[in-house]
N, C-alpha and C. Protein backbone atom coordinates (compact mmCIF):
# COMPACT_ATOMS: atom_id res chain seq x y z
N UNK A 1 6.49 -106.57 70.35
CA UNK A 1 7.11 -107.11 69.08
C UNK A 1 6.35 -106.51 68.16
N UNK A 2 5.07 -106.53 68.16
CA UNK A 2 4.08 -106.00 67.07
C UNK A 2 4.38 -104.64 66.81
N UNK A 3 4.47 -103.83 67.61
CA UNK A 3 4.58 -102.57 67.29
C UNK A 3 6.27 -101.97 66.81
N UNK A 4 7.09 -103.06 67.08
CA UNK A 4 8.65 -102.80 66.52
C UNK A 4 8.40 -103.06 64.81
N UNK A 5 7.86 -104.29 64.47
CA UNK A 5 7.53 -104.47 63.38
C UNK A 5 6.87 -103.61 62.34
N UNK A 6 5.84 -102.92 62.91
CA UNK A 6 4.82 -102.22 62.35
C UNK A 6 5.72 -100.81 62.43
N UNK A 7 6.46 -100.46 63.30
CA UNK A 7 7.11 -99.18 62.89
C UNK A 7 8.51 -99.34 61.98
N UNK A 8 8.58 -100.46 62.08
CA UNK A 8 9.99 -100.88 60.92
C UNK A 8 9.33 -100.86 59.16
N UNK A 9 8.09 -101.39 59.37
CA UNK A 9 7.60 -101.43 57.99
C UNK A 9 7.03 -99.68 57.59
N UNK A 10 6.70 -98.98 58.49
CA UNK A 10 6.51 -97.76 58.20
C UNK A 10 7.41 -96.65 57.95
N UNK A 11 8.63 -97.19 58.54
CA UNK A 11 9.94 -96.14 58.22
C UNK A 11 10.08 -95.91 56.75
N UNK A 12 10.40 -94.65 56.34
CA UNK A 12 10.94 -94.60 55.22
C UNK A 12 12.19 -93.85 54.80
N UNK A 13 12.68 -93.68 55.78
CA UNK A 13 14.10 -93.09 55.73
C UNK A 13 14.93 -93.88 54.89
N UNK A 14 15.17 -95.23 54.96
CA UNK A 14 16.09 -96.03 54.03
C UNK A 14 15.71 -96.05 52.43
N UNK A 15 14.35 -95.62 52.16
CA UNK A 15 13.92 -95.51 50.71
C UNK A 15 14.93 -94.45 50.17
N UNK A 16 14.85 -93.21 50.57
CA UNK A 16 15.67 -92.11 49.92
C UNK A 16 17.04 -92.60 49.38
N UNK A 17 17.92 -93.20 50.30
CA UNK A 17 19.20 -93.29 49.95
C UNK A 17 19.32 -94.64 48.96
N UNK A 18 18.13 -95.36 48.81
CA UNK A 18 18.11 -96.56 47.85
C UNK A 18 17.94 -96.04 46.42
N UNK A 19 16.90 -95.00 46.60
CA UNK A 19 16.66 -94.21 45.22
C UNK A 19 17.84 -93.49 44.91
N UNK A 20 18.59 -92.84 45.97
CA UNK A 20 19.79 -92.35 45.48
C UNK A 20 20.62 -93.23 44.67
N UNK A 21 21.05 -94.37 45.34
CA UNK A 21 22.05 -95.43 44.66
C UNK A 21 21.75 -95.79 43.50
N UNK A 22 20.30 -95.96 43.29
CA UNK A 22 19.90 -96.13 41.88
C UNK A 22 20.01 -95.55 40.93
N UNK A 23 19.78 -94.13 41.06
CA UNK A 23 20.03 -93.10 40.27
C UNK A 23 21.49 -92.72 39.97
N UNK A 24 22.50 -92.94 41.15
CA UNK A 24 23.94 -92.79 40.59
C UNK A 24 24.03 -93.93 39.76
N UNK A 25 23.84 -94.99 40.29
CA UNK A 25 24.25 -96.25 39.32
C UNK A 25 23.83 -96.23 37.91
N UNK A 26 22.56 -95.58 37.62
CA UNK A 26 22.15 -95.67 36.33
C UNK A 26 22.85 -94.59 35.46
N UNK A 27 23.37 -93.52 36.28
CA UNK A 27 24.33 -92.26 35.56
C UNK A 27 25.60 -93.04 35.40
N UNK A 28 26.35 -93.69 36.17
CA UNK A 28 27.39 -93.98 35.98
C UNK A 28 27.60 -95.15 34.98
N UNK A 29 26.34 -95.96 34.71
CA UNK A 29 26.52 -96.77 33.63
C UNK A 29 26.32 -95.73 32.37
N UNK A 30 25.53 -94.77 32.03
CA UNK A 30 25.55 -94.09 31.16
C UNK A 30 27.05 -93.32 30.56
N UNK A 31 27.73 -92.88 31.97
CA UNK A 31 28.85 -92.40 31.60
C UNK A 31 30.23 -93.25 31.20
N UNK A 32 30.16 -94.66 31.58
CA UNK A 32 31.04 -95.53 31.03
C UNK A 32 30.87 -95.89 29.51
N UNK A 33 29.22 -96.22 29.38
CA UNK A 33 28.95 -96.12 27.81
C UNK A 33 29.20 -95.20 27.11
N UNK A 34 29.29 -93.86 27.30
CA UNK A 34 29.61 -92.91 26.50
C UNK A 34 31.24 -92.79 26.25
N UNK A 35 31.85 -93.12 27.45
CA UNK A 35 33.59 -92.93 27.36
C UNK A 35 34.04 -94.16 26.77
N UNK A 36 33.20 -95.06 26.64
CA UNK A 36 33.67 -96.20 25.96
C UNK A 36 33.45 -96.16 24.19
N UNK A 37 32.21 -95.40 24.15
CA UNK A 37 32.23 -95.38 22.52
C UNK A 37 32.94 -94.20 21.98
N UNK A 38 33.45 -93.22 22.75
CA UNK A 38 34.49 -92.10 22.47
C UNK A 38 35.21 -92.63 22.08
N UNK A 39 35.95 -93.69 22.87
CA UNK A 39 37.37 -94.07 23.13
C UNK A 39 37.60 -94.95 21.86
N UNK A 40 36.59 -95.72 21.38
CA UNK A 40 36.68 -96.65 20.48
C UNK A 40 36.72 -95.58 19.11
N UNK A 41 35.88 -94.57 19.26
CA UNK A 41 36.06 -93.59 17.99
C UNK A 41 37.43 -93.01 17.59
N UNK A 42 37.96 -92.46 18.92
CA UNK A 42 39.31 -91.66 18.95
C UNK A 42 40.22 -92.84 18.57
N UNK A 43 40.29 -93.96 18.93
CA UNK A 43 41.37 -94.98 18.66
C UNK A 43 41.10 -95.18 17.05
N UNK A 44 40.14 -95.19 16.48
CA UNK A 44 39.98 -95.27 14.91
C UNK A 44 40.63 -94.08 14.41
N UNK A 45 40.31 -92.95 15.01
CA UNK A 45 40.88 -91.46 14.22
C UNK A 45 42.62 -91.49 14.63
N UNK A 46 42.92 -92.03 15.57
CA UNK A 46 44.47 -91.92 15.57
C UNK A 46 44.88 -93.23 14.99
N UNK A 47 44.40 -94.25 14.95
CA UNK A 47 44.93 -95.09 13.84
C UNK A 47 45.07 -94.54 12.23
N UNK A 48 43.92 -94.04 11.89
CA UNK A 48 44.03 -93.27 10.73
C UNK A 48 45.13 -92.41 10.24
N UNK A 49 45.48 -91.39 11.40
CA UNK A 49 46.28 -90.32 11.38
C UNK A 49 47.73 -90.94 11.16
N UNK A 50 47.71 -91.90 11.93
CA UNK A 50 48.95 -92.65 12.17
C UNK A 50 49.40 -93.35 10.76
N UNK A 51 48.35 -94.00 10.15
CA UNK A 51 48.58 -94.86 8.76
C UNK A 51 48.94 -93.55 7.82
N UNK A 52 48.24 -92.46 7.74
CA UNK A 52 48.63 -91.25 6.76
C UNK A 52 49.80 -90.75 6.97
N UNK A 53 50.36 -90.71 8.06
CA UNK A 53 51.30 -90.20 8.17
C UNK A 53 52.60 -91.05 8.16
N UNK A 54 52.41 -92.47 7.71
CA UNK A 54 53.59 -93.31 7.32
C UNK A 54 53.71 -93.22 5.88
């Protein structure tokens, strides 16, 4: 049982997958923030054009 626990604690194969998941999560948060900011700006511009056409 001791060897099993020792081998489990030394195993690093899952660490890479967790690191990639954290990186992907950070990138997705950045993308959502950027798209949300551009959406607000575009909405304001479309409203401005719509008001100037009326």
